[in-house]
């Protein structure tokens, strides 16, 4: 198991409590900061968290430069291989979910490869973050989820910055999911 797997597991076990509630944006801000600090400490990453401004590519999401296999996150998966990503820096990325020192909920370890299916239908039917994993609670297994959520945080910060005194701590919505 890796730190990447542990971060994915944190999302998995928290998913029912963080989506559709008031703490959605603050929770993801903290999650992105945790991910950034992990990259800096264990991978010697020196930058801040990048984001993908999806609005720029909204007219033709499939042609976005984000899918570039050389300079970005790589393209769509191979349909004959369960949509496993086969190009770019995340090609054949093996992931794990299941039992480990941090996981007593899922009793069996399952290995799988990062998969992605890029299509207009995928983007219209699900959040962009789920393109990397068709199972939403496992979406942080791929880089797109982090790019998506750092963009949401950027937009939220723009909103907060417009009026810090009233927006910095303003959170609405239920504290627990309604379903």
Protein backbone atom coordinates (compact mmCIF):
# COMPACT_ATOMS: atom_id res chain seq x y z
CA UNK A 1 0.00 0.00 0.00
CA UNK A 2 1.16 3.52 -0.74
CA UNK A 3 0.42 7.02 0.52
CA UNK A 4 -1.55 7.50 -2.71
CA UNK A 5 -3.69 4.49 -1.76
CA UNK A 6 -4.19 5.89 1.74
CA UNK A 7 -5.40 9.23 0.36
CA UNK A 8 -7.80 7.40 -1.92
CA UNK A 9 -9.04 5.36 1.03
CA UNK A 10 -9.64 8.53 3.07
CA UNK A 11 -11.91 9.78 0.27
CA UNK A 12 -13.64 6.40 0.06
CA UNK A 13 -14.59 6.26 3.74
CA UNK A 14 -15.48 9.97 3.91
CA UNK A 15 -17.44 10.13 0.67
CA UNK A 16 -20.91 9.66 2.16
CA UNK A 17 -20.30 12.53 4.59
CA UNK A 18 -18.59 15.13 2.38
CA UNK A 19 -20.74 15.27 -0.75
CA UNK A 20 -23.98 17.24 -0.90
CA UNK A 21 -23.30 18.98 2.41
CA UNK A 22 -22.10 22.36 3.64
CA UNK A 23 -18.56 21.20 4.38
CA UNK A 24 -17.95 20.02 0.79
CA UNK A 25 -15.70 22.92 -0.24
CA UNK A 26 -13.76 23.24 3.05
CA UNK A 27 -13.24 19.48 3.19
CA UNK A 28 -11.79 19.42 -0.32
CA UNK A 29 -9.61 22.46 0.41
CA UNK A 30 -8.11 20.54 3.32
CA UNK A 31 -7.81 17.36 1.21
CA UNK A 32 -5.96 19.25 -1.55
CA UNK A 33 -3.62 20.84 0.99
CA UNK A 34 -2.93 17.42 2.50
CA UNK A 35 -2.17 16.04 -0.97
CA UNK A 36 0.11 18.99 -1.77
CA UNK A 37 2.02 18.60 1.52
CA UNK A 38 2.40 14.86 0.89
CA UNK A 39 3.86 15.52 -2.58
CA UNK A 40 6.23 18.11 -1.16
CA UNK A 41 7.42 15.94 1.73
CA UNK A 42 7.72 12.55 0.05
CA UNK A 43 8.25 13.42 -3.63
CA UNK A 44 10.28 16.63 -3.32
CA UNK A 45 7.60 18.48 -5.27
CA UNK A 46 8.38 22.20 -5.09
CA UNK A 47 5.30 23.78 -6.64
CA UNK A 48 1.76 24.47 -5.58
CA UNK A 49 -1.23 22.41 -6.65
CA UNK A 50 -2.08 22.92 -10.32
CA UNK A 51 -5.67 23.16 -11.49
CA UNK A 52 -7.56 22.57 -14.71
CA UNK A 53 -9.78 25.46 -15.72
CA UNK A 54 -12.42 23.25 -17.32
CA UNK A 55 -14.42 26.25 -18.51
CA UNK A 56 -11.68 27.03 -21.05
CA UNK A 57 -12.19 23.60 -22.63
CA UNK A 58 -15.98 23.39 -22.20
CA UNK A 59 -16.73 23.80 -25.92
CA UNK A 60 -14.67 20.74 -26.87
CA UNK A 61 -13.59 18.82 -23.80
CA UNK A 62 -12.28 15.88 -25.84
CA UNK A 63 -9.74 18.11 -27.63
CA UNK A 64 -8.41 19.63 -24.40
CA UNK A 65 -4.63 19.77 -24.05
CA UNK A 66 -5.07 18.17 -20.60
CA UNK A 67 -5.11 14.78 -22.37
CA UNK A 68 -1.68 15.30 -23.96
CA UNK A 69 0.42 12.20 -23.31
CA UNK A 70 3.77 14.02 -23.26
CA UNK A 71 3.17 17.20 -21.25
CA UNK A 72 -0.09 16.52 -19.38
CA UNK A 73 -1.96 13.56 -17.85
CA UNK A 74 -2.40 11.30 -20.91
CA UNK A 75 -5.39 10.28 -22.93
CA UNK A 76 -8.27 7.87 -22.85
CA UNK A 77 -7.84 4.30 -21.74
CA UNK A 78 -7.66 1.23 -23.94
CA UNK A 79 -11.21 -0.07 -24.38
CA UNK A 80 -9.95 -3.64 -24.89
CA UNK A 81 -8.19 -3.46 -21.53
CA UNK A 82 -10.97 -2.16 -19.21
CA UNK A 83 -10.15 1.43 -20.23
CA UNK A 84 -6.73 1.16 -18.57
CA UNK A 85 -4.64 4.26 -19.28
CA UNK A 86 -1.86 3.23 -21.65
CA UNK A 87 -0.10 6.53 -22.42
CA UNK A 88 1.28 9.54 -20.60
CA UNK A 89 2.85 9.74 -17.15
CA UNK A 90 0.08 7.63 -15.56
CA UNK A 91 0.22 4.77 -18.07
CA UNK A 92 -0.28 1.40 -16.39
CA UNK A 93 -0.51 2.97 -12.94
CA UNK A 94 -1.32 0.12 -10.59
CA UNK A 95 -3.60 1.03 -7.70
CA UNK A 96 -4.73 -0.81 -4.60
CA UNK A 97 -7.82 -0.66 -2.49
CA UNK A 98 -8.62 -2.89 0.41
CA UNK A 99 -7.05 -4.25 3.54
CA UNK A 100 -3.99 -2.60 4.90
CA UNK A 101 -2.76 -1.13 8.14
CA UNK A 102 -5.18 1.78 7.66
CA UNK A 103 -8.12 -0.19 6.31
CA UNK A 104 -10.27 -2.60 8.26
CA UNK A 105 -13.49 -1.85 6.35
CA UNK A 106 -12.64 -3.49 3.01
CA UNK A 107 -11.34 -6.94 3.94
CA UNK A 108 -9.64 -7.91 0.66
CA UNK A 109 -6.97 -6.07 -1.28
CA UNK A 110 -7.88 -5.45 -4.89
CA UNK A 111 -5.31 -4.30 -7.43
CA UNK A 112 -6.41 -2.48 -10.57
CA UNK A 113 -5.06 -0.06 -13.12
CA UNK A 114 -6.02 3.57 -13.50
CA UNK A 115 -8.76 3.68 -16.11
CA UNK A 116 -10.24 6.54 -18.07
CA UNK A 117 -12.88 6.93 -20.72
CA UNK A 118 -12.96 10.38 -22.30
CA UNK A 119 -16.21 11.28 -24.02
CA UNK A 120 -18.82 14.01 -24.06
CA UNK A 121 -21.28 11.53 -22.53
CA UNK A 122 -18.92 10.85 -19.60
CA UNK A 123 -18.60 14.55 -18.86
CA UNK A 124 -22.32 15.21 -19.15
CA UNK A 125 -23.36 12.20 -17.06
CA UNK A 126 -20.80 12.53 -14.27
CA UNK A 127 -18.50 15.04 -12.74
CA UNK A 128 -15.25 15.58 -14.57
CA UNK A 129 -13.36 14.11 -11.65
CA UNK A 130 -14.98 10.73 -12.27
CA UNK A 131 -13.49 10.33 -15.74
CA UNK A 132 -10.39 8.77 -14.16
CA UNK A 133 -12.51 6.24 -12.29
CA UNK A 134 -16.03 5.33 -13.19
CA UNK A 135 -16.69 4.68 -9.49
CA UNK A 136 -17.03 8.20 -7.97
CA UNK A 137 -15.80 7.33 -4.48
CA UNK A 138 -12.55 6.09 -6.04
CA UNK A 139 -12.07 9.13 -8.30
CA UNK A 140 -8.97 10.36 -6.40
CA UNK A 141 -7.11 7.38 -7.82
CA UNK A 142 -6.29 9.54 -10.83
CA UNK A 143 -4.84 13.01 -11.27
CA UNK A 144 -7.95 14.54 -12.84
CA UNK A 145 -9.82 14.56 -9.53
CA UNK A 146 -7.11 16.70 -7.95
CA UNK A 147 -6.99 19.10 -10.91
CA UNK A 148 -10.80 19.38 -10.80
CA UNK A 149 -11.01 20.02 -7.06
CA UNK A 150 -8.16 22.53 -7.00
CA UNK A 151 -10.07 24.41 -9.71
CA UNK A 152 -13.21 24.33 -7.56
CA UNK A 153 -11.15 25.66 -4.66
CA UNK A 154 -9.74 28.42 -6.88
CA UNK A 155 -13.27 29.47 -7.85
CA UNK A 156 -14.40 29.31 -4.22
CA UNK A 157 -11.41 31.45 -3.16
CA UNK A 158 -12.31 34.02 -5.84
CA UNK A 159 -15.80 34.17 -4.32
CA UNK A 160 -14.44 34.43 -0.78
CA UNK A 161 -11.93 37.11 -1.80
CA UNK A 162 -14.71 39.32 -3.13
CA UNK A 163 -15.81 39.94 0.46
CA UNK A 164 -13.60 38.27 3.04
CA UNK A 165 -15.49 39.61 6.04
CA UNK A 166 -18.75 37.96 4.99
CA UNK A 167 -17.62 35.06 2.76
CA UNK A 168 -14.52 33.61 4.41
CA UNK A 169 -16.46 31.58 6.96
CA UNK A 170 -19.84 31.50 5.21
CA UNK A 171 -20.98 27.91 4.67
CA UNK A 172 -24.50 26.79 3.87
CA UNK A 173 -26.30 23.51 3.52
CA UNK A 174 -26.87 20.48 5.69
CA UNK A 175 -24.12 19.15 7.90
CA UNK A 176 -25.09 15.57 7.14
CA UNK A 177 -26.27 14.08 3.86
CA UNK A 178 -30.04 13.94 3.45
CA UNK A 179 -30.01 10.46 1.89
